[in-house]
Amino acid sequence: MSIGIHVPAAAVTPLGSGESYVEFFRQVEALGLDALWTEDRIFHEANLLDPLMLLMSAASCTRRVQLGSAVLVLTLRNVAIVARQVSTLHHLSGGRLALGISLGGRPEEYRAVGVPMSRRVTVFRESVAVLRRLLAGEPVHHDGEFFHLEGATVRPAAPVPLYLGGQAEGALRRAGELADGWIMSPFGTLADFPRAWSIVRERARAAGRDTEGLVAGRLVYVAVDEQRDRARETLRAFLHGYYGARFDVDRHAIFGPPSEVAARLREHVEAGISRLMLGVPTLDLAHLRRVAEEIAPVVRGAAAR
């Protein structure tokens, strides 16, 4: 069971300073939480920090917590450069990196990087195949539709786990076929999990893969406060700033007193989710402490049963 924090790397207001992020990362580790996760976009109206650079900052000031992306939009990035960045992060962090990936993004982002959005599934599949081979550290010869490599080598090798994000049925099938796990998006409710997870596992079995090692994760936004309205408003300001007003805070997020938040997260563990990525709306260290001290023990207790 891993209880991690999804870093609030986007804001319509000014972002925290570099030192405030460093202190946040240090406190996540000091409070006994398990991981730091980041998000990804190329263009956005809000202030937004690059996920891999943010993880490098976290790697430099922590020693134990896992580091990961939830998720990196792989189709918007040159996979050879991603391989070099991942190799570097894996090495400098002491092997603490996991890579969550997806094929999301908006039309203007695809146009800007010269990738045909109409072919994004094909680009994604080839990107995953090339990335895995490059991260193995051996020379890669590949003559594909979008990537051409002749003896390309990226070292040191970085055997990082790949988790695929997405809710569409095609994304679920790809997670089972191609990845080491699946990350459920913050949209929807826990009631959506059993059917989606069964699709992931069925596709893995059909591809001849061992389903026992597959990881189920979820990004879910939380706010802990005895005053539910205050907790909701804090989340609403953050989530509408990033996702827009389409994000239904009441349906998709978890907020309120610690006992309520913990109970709903305990249900995630009981359903079979083993990687919780708790999205917090700010760098508030007092709120982070509440998550670590009042929520995490209850969730871990459910996992231990």
Protein backbone atom coordinates (compact mmCIF):
# COMPACT_ATOMS: atom_id res chain seq x y z
CA MET A 1 0.00 0.00 0.00
CA SER A 2 1.36 3.42 -0.96
CA ILE A 3 -0.17 6.68 0.23
CA GLY A 4 1.32 9.49 -1.79
CA ILE A 5 0.71 13.17 -2.38
CA HIS A 6 -0.12 14.60 -5.78
CA VAL A 7 1.77 17.88 -5.75
CA PRO A 8 -0.28 21.06 -6.37
CA ALA A 9 1.84 22.23 -9.29
CA ALA A 10 -0.81 24.44 -10.92
CA ALA A 11 -2.42 27.64 -9.67
CA VAL A 12 -4.40 30.56 -11.07
CA THR A 13 -2.77 32.62 -8.32
CA PRO A 14 1.03 33.00 -8.02
CA LEU A 15 2.79 29.70 -7.37
CA GLY A 16 4.74 29.01 -4.22
CA SER A 17 8.45 29.72 -4.26
CA GLY A 18 11.05 27.09 -5.01
CA GLU A 19 11.88 26.91 -1.32
CA SER A 20 8.23 26.37 -0.40
CA TYR A 21 8.10 23.36 -2.74
CA VAL A 22 11.34 22.00 -1.30
CA GLU A 23 9.94 22.29 2.24
CA PHE A 24 6.72 20.62 1.11
CA PHE A 25 8.68 17.69 -0.37
CA ARG A 26 10.76 17.36 2.80
CA GLN A 27 7.65 17.34 4.98
CA VAL A 28 5.96 14.66 2.86
CA GLU A 29 8.93 12.45 3.62
CA ALA A 30 9.31 13.48 7.26
CA LEU A 31 5.63 12.79 7.94
CA GLY A 32 6.00 9.22 6.74
CA LEU A 33 4.03 9.45 3.51
CA ASP A 34 5.15 7.22 0.67
CA ALA A 35 5.32 9.11 -2.61
CA LEU A 36 5.23 12.38 -4.53
CA TRP A 37 3.35 12.54 -7.83
CA THR A 38 3.17 15.27 -10.47
CA GLU A 39 0.88 16.17 -13.38
CA ASP A 40 1.60 17.28 -16.94
CA ARG A 41 0.46 19.76 -19.54
CA ILE A 42 2.35 21.78 -22.13
CA PHE A 43 0.04 24.79 -22.36
CA HIS A 44 -2.33 26.04 -19.68
CA GLU A 45 -3.96 29.29 -18.64
CA ALA A 46 -2.85 28.70 -15.04
CA ASN A 47 0.69 28.84 -13.72
CA LEU A 48 2.04 25.31 -14.10
CA LEU A 49 5.33 23.57 -13.34
CA ASP A 50 6.94 20.90 -15.53
CA PRO A 51 6.54 17.45 -13.94
CA LEU A 52 9.97 15.98 -14.56
CA MET A 53 11.79 19.12 -13.45
CA LEU A 54 9.63 19.21 -10.33
CA LEU A 55 10.49 15.57 -9.62
CA MET A 56 14.17 16.37 -10.00
CA SER A 57 13.77 19.05 -7.35
CA ALA A 58 12.03 16.51 -5.11
CA ALA A 59 14.76 13.92 -5.75
CA SER A 60 17.44 16.33 -4.59
CA CYS A 61 15.87 17.01 -1.18
CA THR A 62 14.40 13.61 -0.26
CA ARG A 63 15.92 10.20 0.31
CA ARG A 64 13.09 7.70 0.70
CA VAL A 65 9.78 8.63 -0.95
CA GLN A 66 8.88 7.24 -4.34
CA LEU A 67 8.70 9.80 -7.15
CA GLY A 68 6.26 9.55 -10.03
CA SER A 69 4.20 11.23 -12.71
CA ALA A 70 0.43 10.92 -12.70
CA VAL A 71 0.51 11.34 -15.55
CA LEU A 72 3.07 12.42 -18.17
CA VAL A 73 1.47 13.01 -21.57
CA LEU A 74 3.90 10.85 -23.50
CA THR A 75 2.49 11.65 -26.94
CA LEU A 76 3.44 15.31 -26.50
CA ARG A 77 7.09 14.53 -25.76
CA ASN A 78 9.95 13.14 -27.80
CA VAL A 79 10.38 9.65 -26.40
CA ALA A 80 14.17 9.61 -26.84
CA ILE A 81 14.50 12.74 -24.70
CA VAL A 82 12.07 11.32 -22.15
CA ALA A 83 14.27 8.21 -21.93
CA ARG A 84 17.33 10.33 -21.18
CA GLN A 85 15.44 12.35 -18.55
CA VAL A 86 14.05 9.22 -16.93
CA SER A 87 17.47 7.57 -16.90
CA THR A 88 18.88 10.63 -15.15
CA LEU A 89 16.06 10.86 -12.62
CA HIS A 90 16.22 7.14 -11.89
CA HIS A 91 19.95 7.34 -11.22
CA LEU A 92 20.00 10.52 -9.15
CA SER A 93 17.01 9.45 -7.04
CA GLY A 94 18.50 6.07 -6.24
CA GLY A 95 15.92 4.13 -8.26
CA ARG A 96 12.82 5.74 -6.73
CA LEU A 97 11.05 6.70 -9.96
CA ALA A 98 7.78 5.38 -11.42
CA LEU A 99 6.37 6.76 -14.64
CA GLY A 100 2.67 7.24 -15.15
CA ILE A 101 1.86 8.05 -18.78
CA SER A 102 -1.12 8.82 -20.99
CA LEU A 103 -2.09 10.13 -24.43
CA GLY A 104 -4.19 13.11 -23.32
CA GLY A 105 -3.64 16.72 -24.32
CA ARG A 106 -5.44 19.33 -26.38
CA PRO A 107 -5.37 20.02 -30.14
CA GLU A 108 -3.23 23.14 -29.77
CA GLU A 109 -0.60 21.15 -27.85
CA TYR A 110 -0.41 18.49 -30.55
CA ARG A 111 -0.09 21.16 -33.24
CA ALA A 112 2.68 22.89 -31.31
CA VAL A 113 4.84 19.75 -31.02
CA GLY A 114 4.10 18.51 -34.54
CA VAL A 115 2.29 15.31 -33.56
CA PRO A 116 -0.91 14.40 -35.46
CA MET A 117 -3.60 14.18 -32.79
CA SER A 118 -5.65 11.89 -35.03
CA ARG A 119 -2.79 9.34 -34.81
CA ARG A 120 -2.13 9.71 -31.09
CA VAL A 121 -2.96 6.09 -30.24
CA THR A 122 -0.45 4.82 -32.80
CA VAL A 123 2.13 7.35 -31.60
CA PHE A 124 1.51 6.29 -28.01
CA ARG A 125 1.90 2.58 -28.66
CA GLU A 126 5.15 3.07 -30.55
CA SER A 127 6.40 5.51 -27.90
CA VAL A 128 5.82 2.98 -25.12
CA ALA A 129 7.61 0.25 -27.06
CA VAL A 130 10.61 2.48 -27.81
CA LEU A 131 10.75 3.87 -24.29
CA ARG A 132 10.85 0.42 -22.70
CA ARG A 133 13.65 -0.71 -25.01
CA LEU A 134 15.71 2.44 -24.46
CA LEU A 135 15.35 2.25 -20.69
CA ALA A 136 16.72 -1.30 -20.77
CA GLY A 137 20.11 0.25 -21.52
CA GLU A 138 20.93 -1.83 -24.60
CA PRO A 139 21.43 -0.56 -28.18
CA VAL A 140 18.08 -0.14 -29.89
CA HIS A 141 17.44 -0.62 -33.60
CA HIS A 142 13.93 0.48 -34.50
CA ASP A 143 12.48 1.48 -37.84
CA GLY A 144 8.90 2.44 -37.09
CA GLU A 145 6.34 4.85 -38.41
CA PHE A 146 7.28 7.71 -36.07
CA PHE A 147 10.67 6.74 -34.61
CA HIS A 148 13.85 5.59 -36.33
CA LEU A 149 16.79 4.47 -34.20
CA GLU A 150 20.06 2.88 -35.22
CA GLY A 151 22.00 1.47 -32.30
CA ALA A 152 20.56 4.14 -29.99
CA THR A 153 21.71 3.67 -26.41
CA VAL A 154 20.54 5.34 -23.21
CA ARG A 155 22.52 4.48 -20.08
CA PRO A 156 22.38 4.02 -17.16
CA ALA A 157 19.51 1.61 -17.59
CA ALA A 158 16.34 2.60 -15.77
CA PRO A 159 13.90 -0.30 -15.29
CA VAL A 160 11.12 1.95 -14.00
CA PRO A 161 7.52 0.72 -13.73
CA LEU A 162 5.13 2.19 -16.28
CA TYR A 163 1.56 2.93 -15.23
CA LEU A 164 -1.06 3.99 -17.78
CA GLY A 165 -3.75 6.50 -16.97
CA GLY A 166 -7.16 6.89 -18.57
CA GLN A 167 -10.82 6.05 -18.26
CA ALA A 168 -11.88 5.21 -21.82
CA GLU A 169 -12.18 1.51 -22.57
CA GLY A 170 -9.33 1.69 -25.06
CA ALA A 171 -7.07 3.16 -22.39
CA LEU A 172 -8.02 0.39 -19.98
CA ARG A 173 -7.17 -2.27 -22.56
CA ARG A 174 -3.84 -0.61 -23.31
CA ALA A 175 -3.02 -0.51 -19.60
CA GLY A 176 -3.53 -4.26 -19.36
CA GLU A 177 -1.58 -4.96 -22.53
CA LEU A 178 1.35 -2.55 -22.18
CA ALA A 179 1.85 -1.41 -18.60
CA ASP A 180 2.74 -2.48 -15.10
CA GLY A 181 -0.41 -0.90 -13.73
CA TRP A 182 -3.29 1.48 -14.22
CA ILE A 183 -4.04 4.89 -12.71
CA MET A 184 -7.72 5.71 -12.35
CA SER A 185 -8.42 9.35 -13.11
CA PRO A 186 -10.02 11.75 -10.59
CA PHE A 187 -13.18 11.84 -12.68
CA GLY A 188 -15.91 9.41 -11.71
CA THR A 189 -16.46 7.59 -8.45
CA LEU A 190 -15.22 4.46 -6.76
CA ALA A 191 -18.28 2.65 -8.13
CA ASP A 192 -16.60 2.87 -11.56
CA PHE A 193 -13.50 1.02 -10.38
CA PRO A 194 -14.51 -2.69 -10.40
CA ARG A 195 -15.63 -2.77 -14.04
CA ALA A 196 -12.62 -0.73 -15.21
CA TRP A 197 -10.14 -2.85 -13.27
CA SER A 198 -11.67 -6.04 -14.64
CA ILE A 199 -11.11 -4.74 -18.20
CA VAL A 200 -7.46 -4.00 -17.40
CA ARG A 201 -6.92 -7.47 -15.95
CA GLU A 202 -8.81 -9.29 -18.71
CA ARG A 203 -6.72 -7.55 -21.38
CA ALA A 204 -3.53 -8.44 -19.50
CA ARG A 205 -4.56 -12.10 -19.40
CA ALA A 206 -5.41 -12.03 -23.11
CA ALA A 207 -1.93 -10.65 -23.80
CA GLY A 208 -0.39 -13.54 -21.83
CA ARG A 209 0.75 -11.35 -18.95
CA ASP A 210 0.79 -12.11 -15.24
CA THR A 211 -2.06 -10.15 -13.67
CA GLU A 212 -0.94 -10.67 -10.06
CA GLY A 213 1.73 -8.02 -10.32
CA LEU A 214 -0.49 -5.35 -11.86
CA VAL A 215 -0.84 -2.20 -9.77
CA ALA A 216 -4.09 -0.27 -9.37
CA GLY A 217 -3.72 3.39 -8.49
CA ARG A 218 -5.99 6.39 -8.29
CA LEU A 219 -5.56 10.14 -8.28
CA VAL A 220 -8.20 11.57 -5.96
CA TYR A 221 -8.39 15.13 -4.64
CA VAL A 222 -8.90 15.63 -0.92
CA ALA A 223 -9.35 18.43 1.59
CA VAL A 224 -9.55 17.82 5.35
CA ASP A 225 -11.47 20.34 7.42
CA GLU A 226 -14.24 20.10 10.04
CA GLN A 227 -16.00 22.83 8.10
CA ARG A 228 -17.12 20.99 4.95
CA ASP A 229 -18.01 24.19 3.10
CA ARG A 230 -14.56 25.60 3.65
CA ALA A 231 -12.93 22.37 2.52
CA ARG A 232 -15.13 22.29 -0.58
CA GLU A 233 -14.36 25.88 -1.51
CA THR A 234 -10.61 25.33 -1.18
CA LEU A 235 -10.84 22.37 -3.56
CA ARG A 236 -13.23 24.14 -5.93
CA ALA A 237 -10.89 27.12 -6.40
CA PHE A 238 -7.97 24.82 -7.15
CA LEU A 239 -9.77 22.28 -9.34
CA HIS A 240 -11.75 24.76 -11.40
CA GLY A 241 -8.53 26.67 -11.96
CA TYR A 242 -6.92 23.55 -13.42
CA TYR A 243 -9.72 21.50 -14.96
CA GLY A 244 -12.32 24.21 -15.45
CA ALA A 245 -15.89 24.35 -14.15
CA ARG A 246 -16.61 20.92 -15.66
CA PHE A 247 -14.98 19.32 -12.61
CA ASP A 248 -17.82 18.36 -10.29
CA VAL A 249 -16.23 18.77 -6.87
CA ASP A 250 -19.13 17.13 -5.02
CA ARG A 251 -19.07 14.04 -7.23
CA HIS A 252 -15.36 13.55 -7.92
CA ALA A 253 -13.47 14.86 -4.86
CA ILE A 254 -13.41 13.95 -1.16
CA PHE A 255 -13.63 16.66 1.48
CA GLY A 256 -14.81 17.25 5.02
CA PRO A 257 -13.88 16.12 8.54
CA PRO A 258 -11.00 13.64 8.85
CA SER A 259 -13.25 10.73 9.81
CA GLU A 260 -15.30 11.18 6.63
CA VAL A 261 -12.30 11.57 4.34
CA ALA A 262 -10.56 8.57 5.90
CA ALA A 263 -13.65 6.39 5.60
CA ARG A 264 -14.05 7.12 1.91
CA LEU A 265 -10.38 6.48 1.21
CA ARG A 266 -10.55 3.25 3.20
CA GLU A 267 -13.19 2.11 0.71
CA HIS A 268 -10.64 2.61 -2.08
CA VAL A 269 -8.22 0.25 -0.38
CA GLU A 270 -10.92 -2.32 0.27
CA ALA A 271 -11.84 -2.19 -3.43
CA GLY A 272 -8.27 -3.15 -4.42
CA ILE A 273 -6.49 0.16 -5.05
CA SER A 274 -2.91 -0.01 -3.76
CA ARG A 275 -1.48 3.35 -4.94
CA LEU A 276 -3.36 6.35 -3.60
CA MET A 277 -2.28 9.68 -5.08
CA LEU A 278 -3.94 12.27 -2.85
CA GLY A 279 -4.24 15.58 -4.63
CA VAL A 280 -4.06 18.44 -2.15
CA PRO A 281 -5.10 21.95 -3.24
CA THR A 282 -2.23 23.94 -1.72
CA LEU A 283 1.24 23.68 -0.19
CA ASP A 284 -0.29 24.23 3.26
CA LEU A 285 1.90 22.21 5.64
CA ALA A 286 -0.72 22.13 8.40
CA HIS A 287 -3.16 20.48 6.00
CA LEU A 288 -0.46 18.07 4.84
CA ARG A 289 0.14 17.10 8.47
CA ARG A 290 -3.55 16.36 8.96
CA VAL A 291 -3.51 14.07 5.93
CA ALA A 292 -0.43 12.26 7.25
CA GLU A 293 -1.51 11.97 10.87
CA GLU A 294 -5.31 11.68 10.72
CA ILE A 295 -5.98 10.05 7.35
CA ALA A 296 -3.00 7.85 6.43
CA PRO A 297 -3.08 5.63 9.55
CA VAL A 298 -6.73 4.75 8.98
CA VAL A 299 -6.07 3.89 5.34
CA ARG A 300 -3.04 1.79 6.23
CA GLY A 301 -5.08 -0.01 8.82
CA ALA A 302 -7.58 -1.03 6.14
CA ALA A 303 -4.74 -2.28 3.95
CA ALA A 304 -3.32 -4.39 6.78
CA ARG A 305 -6.51 -6.38 7.30
